[in-house]
Protein backbone atom coordinates (compact mmCIF):
# COMPACT_ATOMS: atom_id res chain seq x y z
CA MET A 1 10.00 -6.70 5.05
CA THR A 2 8.99 -3.22 5.49
CA ILE A 3 11.38 -2.30 2.14
CA PHE A 4 9.52 -5.00 -0.20
CA ILE A 5 5.88 -3.67 1.38
CA GLY A 6 7.10 0.15 0.88
CA GLY A 7 8.22 -0.78 -2.65
CA LEU A 8 4.70 -2.49 -3.58
CA THR A 9 2.96 0.92 -2.01
CA LEU A 10 5.18 2.95 -4.18
CA LEU A 11 4.32 0.63 -6.89
CA SER A 12 0.93 0.61 -6.31
CA PHE A 13 0.31 4.73 -5.36
CA LEU A 14 2.44 5.38 -9.33
CA THR A 15 0.30 2.96 -11.36
CA ALA A 16 -3.26 4.67 -9.57
CA PHE A 17 -1.58 7.94 -10.57
CA GLY A 18 -0.97 6.91 -13.48
CA LYS A 19 -4.59 5.10 -14.16
CA ASP A 20 -6.10 8.11 -12.93
CA GLU A 21 -4.43 9.91 -15.64
CA GLY A 22 -5.41 7.25 -18.36
CA THR A 23 -2.25 6.40 -19.20
CA LEU A 24 -2.14 2.98 -18.58
CA TYR A 25 -4.49 1.86 -20.88
CA ASP A 26 -5.09 -2.12 -21.09
CA ASN A 27 -2.28 -3.34 -19.69
CA PHE A 28 -3.24 -6.38 -17.20
CA PHE A 29 -0.45 -5.92 -14.59
CA LEU A 30 -0.18 -2.07 -14.28
CA ASN A 31 -3.82 -2.01 -13.75
CA PHE A 32 -3.95 -4.79 -11.37
CA MET A 33 -0.74 -2.47 -9.30
CA ALA A 34 -3.33 0.66 -9.52
CA ASN A 35 -6.28 -1.45 -8.14
CA THR A 36 -4.15 -2.69 -5.37
CA PHE A 37 -3.29 0.61 -3.96
CA TYR A 38 -6.93 0.32 -2.27
CA ILE A 39 -5.23 -2.43 -0.29
CA PHE A 40 -2.34 -0.37 0.63
CA ARG A 41 -3.96 2.75 1.62
CA PHE A 42 -6.05 1.06 4.54
CA PRO A 43 -5.92 1.80 7.54
CA THR A 44 -5.03 5.41 7.62
CA HIS A 45 -6.53 6.90 4.54
CA VAL A 46 -9.72 5.30 4.64
CA LEU A 47 -10.59 6.16 8.53
CA PHE A 48 -8.81 9.69 8.53
CA TRP A 49 -9.43 10.34 5.05
CA LYS A 50 -10.60 13.73 5.65
CA TYR A 51 -7.33 14.67 7.36
CA MET A 52 -5.05 13.24 4.43
CA SER A 53 -3.51 15.88 2.40
CA GLY A 54 -0.11 17.28 1.44
CA SER A 55 2.56 15.67 3.70
CA SER A 56 0.03 14.12 5.59
CA PHE A 57 -0.67 11.26 2.80
CA PHE A 58 2.78 10.44 2.21
CA PHE A 59 3.20 9.94 6.13
CA GLY A 60 -0.17 7.95 6.24
CA LEU A 61 1.41 5.57 3.64
CA LEU A 62 3.95 5.03 5.92
CA LEU A 63 2.47 4.11 8.59
CA ASN A 64 0.39 1.55 6.39
CA THR A 65 3.68 0.45 5.66
CA LEU A 66 4.70 -0.07 8.80
CA PHE A 67 1.49 -2.02 9.82
CA TYR A 68 1.48 -4.57 7.24
CA ALA A 69 4.98 -5.12 7.63
CA GLY A 70 4.23 -5.77 11.02
CA VAL A 71 1.32 -7.69 10.81
CA ILE A 72 3.03 -10.50 7.96
CA GLU A 73 6.23 -10.38 10.44
CA ALA A 74 4.58 -11.10 13.41
CA THR A 75 2.40 -13.67 11.60
CA ILE A 76 5.81 -14.93 10.24
CA ILE A 77 7.04 -15.49 14.11
CA ILE A 78 3.25 -17.54 15.20
CA LEU A 79 3.74 -19.90 12.72
CA LYS A 80 7.37 -21.12 12.89
CA LYS A 81 6.31 -21.12 16.36
CA ARG A 82 3.63 -23.75 15.94
CA LYS A 83 5.70 -26.45 13.54
């Protein structure tokens, strides 16, 4: 799950960069992925934005990836136990 979330985070980061540069044009999927970067950068980049520069920016994305993977895994385990 971590690799899947990490791949989505990387894809959303790259498409957000492309959107900022103005190179995505009207491609629906790429613009959608660029907009999902607002989700994938939460919570570290929202809560600690003034500290996110240089390598800490990517470390924050790694922490977010681990956070989301943990939440999804815990949700799956809880749902399996309920059945």
